[in-house]
């Protein structure tokens, strides 16, 4: 299920800063924590990838091939 959000721009005297907020429902589903470090990388002009270097382990068990 996609979550829509808008890019916000803060203009300052000598700089500008863009913000993208993560919707609360998505944050809860991903178990984000306050102050957690994430890394952005550009895949192409239409795809921005967010990675969590210190993501907690999945609560789901991995299925192994028989």
C-alpha atoms as a PDB file:
ATOM      1  CA  UNK A   1       0.000   0.000   0.000  1.00  0.00           C
ATOM      2  CA  UNK A   2       1.628   3.293  -1.030  1.00  0.00           C
ATOM      3  CA  UNK A   3       1.826   6.251   1.338  1.00  0.00           C
ATOM      4  CA  UNK A   4       1.648   9.686  -0.316  1.00  0.00           C
ATOM      5  CA  UNK A   5       3.520  12.665   1.113  1.00  0.00           C
ATOM      6  CA  UNK A   6       4.755  16.034  -0.137  1.00  0.00           C
ATOM      7  CA  UNK A   7       8.281  17.390  -0.264  1.00  0.00           C
ATOM      8  CA  UNK A   8       8.628  20.511   1.869  1.00  0.00           C
ATOM      9  CA  UNK A   9      11.163  23.294   1.305  1.00  0.00           C
ATOM     10  CA  UNK A  10      12.604  25.554   3.995  1.00  0.00           C
ATOM     11  CA  UNK A  11      14.339  28.646   2.546  1.00  0.00           C
ATOM     12  CA  UNK A  12      16.928  30.309   4.742  1.00  0.00           C
ATOM     13  CA  UNK A  13      19.129  33.329   4.053  1.00  0.00           C
ATOM     14  CA  UNK A  14      22.049  31.369   2.643  1.00  0.00           C
ATOM     15  CA  UNK A  15      20.683  27.863   2.178  1.00  0.00           C
ATOM     16  CA  UNK A  16      17.656  25.760   1.519  1.00  0.00           C
ATOM     17  CA  UNK A  17      16.615  22.458   3.013  1.00  0.00           C
ATOM     18  CA  UNK A  18      14.140  19.901   1.716  1.00  0.00           C
ATOM     19  CA  UNK A  19      12.111  17.662   4.029  1.00  0.00           C
ATOM     20  CA  UNK A  20      10.227  14.449   3.360  1.00  0.00           C
ATOM     21  CA  UNK A  21       8.145  13.227   6.289  1.00  0.00           C
ATOM     22  CA  UNK A  22       7.512   9.549   6.834  1.00  0.00           C
ATOM     23  CA  UNK A  23       3.802   8.951   7.543  1.00  0.00           C
ATOM     24  CA  UNK A  24       3.081   7.629  11.048  1.00  0.00           C
ATOM     25  CA  UNK A  25       1.466   4.415   9.778  1.00  0.00           C
ATOM     26  CA  UNK A  26       4.555   3.546   7.768  1.00  0.00           C
ATOM     27  CA  UNK A  27       6.878   4.480  10.647  1.00  0.00           C
ATOM     28  CA  UNK A  28       5.007   2.181  13.019  1.00  0.00           C
ATOM     29  CA  UNK A  29       4.952  -0.660  10.480  1.00  0.00           C
ATOM     30  CA  UNK A  30       8.736  -0.325  10.073  1.00  0.00           C
ATOM     31  CA  UNK A  31       9.360   0.013  13.845  1.00  0.00           C
ATOM     32  CA  UNK A  32      11.349   3.235  13.405  1.00  0.00           C
ATOM     33  CA  UNK A  33      12.712   4.760  16.597  1.00  0.00           C
ATOM     34  CA  UNK A  34      13.374   8.384  17.480  1.00  0.00           C
ATOM     35  CA  UNK A  35      16.838   9.452  16.360  1.00  0.00           C
ATOM     36  CA  UNK A  36      17.406   6.340  14.241  1.00  0.00           C
ATOM     37  CA  UNK A  37      20.022   6.817  11.520  1.00  0.00           C
ATOM     38  CA  UNK A  38      19.009   6.129   7.925  1.00  0.00           C
ATOM     39  CA  UNK A  39      20.847   6.502   4.620  1.00  0.00           C
ATOM     40  CA  UNK A  40      19.425   7.788   1.333  1.00  0.00           C
ATOM     41  CA  UNK A  41      20.748   6.785  -2.087  1.00  0.00           C
ATOM     42  CA  UNK A  42      19.559   7.685  -5.565  1.00  0.00           C
ATOM     43  CA  UNK A  43      18.769   4.698  -7.762  1.00  0.00           C
ATOM     44  CA  UNK A  44      17.501   6.820 -10.648  1.00  0.00           C
ATOM     45  CA  UNK A  45      15.486  10.033 -11.050  1.00  0.00           C
ATOM     46  CA  UNK A  46      12.299   8.237 -10.058  1.00  0.00           C
ATOM     47  CA  UNK A  47      13.594   6.026  -7.253  1.00  0.00           C
ATOM     48  CA  UNK A  48      15.066   7.114  -3.931  1.00  0.00           C
ATOM     49  CA  UNK A  49      16.188   4.278  -1.647  1.00  0.00           C
ATOM     50  CA  UNK A  50      16.089   4.540   2.145  1.00  0.00           C
ATOM     51  CA  UNK A  51      18.324   2.067   3.973  1.00  0.00           C
ATOM     52  CA  UNK A  52      18.512   1.303   7.680  1.00  0.00           C
ATOM     53  CA  UNK A  53      22.057   0.210   8.541  1.00  0.00           C
ATOM     54  CA  UNK A  54      21.048  -0.751  12.083  1.00  0.00           C
ATOM     55  CA  UNK A  55      17.600  -2.185  11.376  1.00  0.00           C
ATOM     56  CA  UNK A  56      16.264  -4.582  13.988  1.00  0.00           C
ATOM     57  CA  UNK A  57      15.926  -8.218  12.937  1.00  0.00           C
ATOM     58  CA  UNK A  58      12.652  -9.268  11.336  1.00  0.00           C
ATOM     59  CA  UNK A  59      10.102 -10.720  13.760  1.00  0.00           C
ATOM     60  CA  UNK A  60       9.153 -13.256  11.065  1.00  0.00           C
ATOM     61  CA  UNK A  61      10.964 -16.552  10.781  1.00  0.00           C
ATOM     62  CA  UNK A  62      12.882 -17.179   7.584  1.00  0.00           C
ATOM     63  CA  UNK A  63      11.669 -20.118   5.551  1.00  0.00           C
ATOM     64  CA  UNK A  64      14.365 -22.523   4.446  1.00  0.00           C
ATOM     65  CA  UNK A  65      14.292 -24.516   1.211  1.00  0.00           C
ATOM     66  CA  UNK A  66      13.859 -28.233   1.662  1.00  0.00           C
END
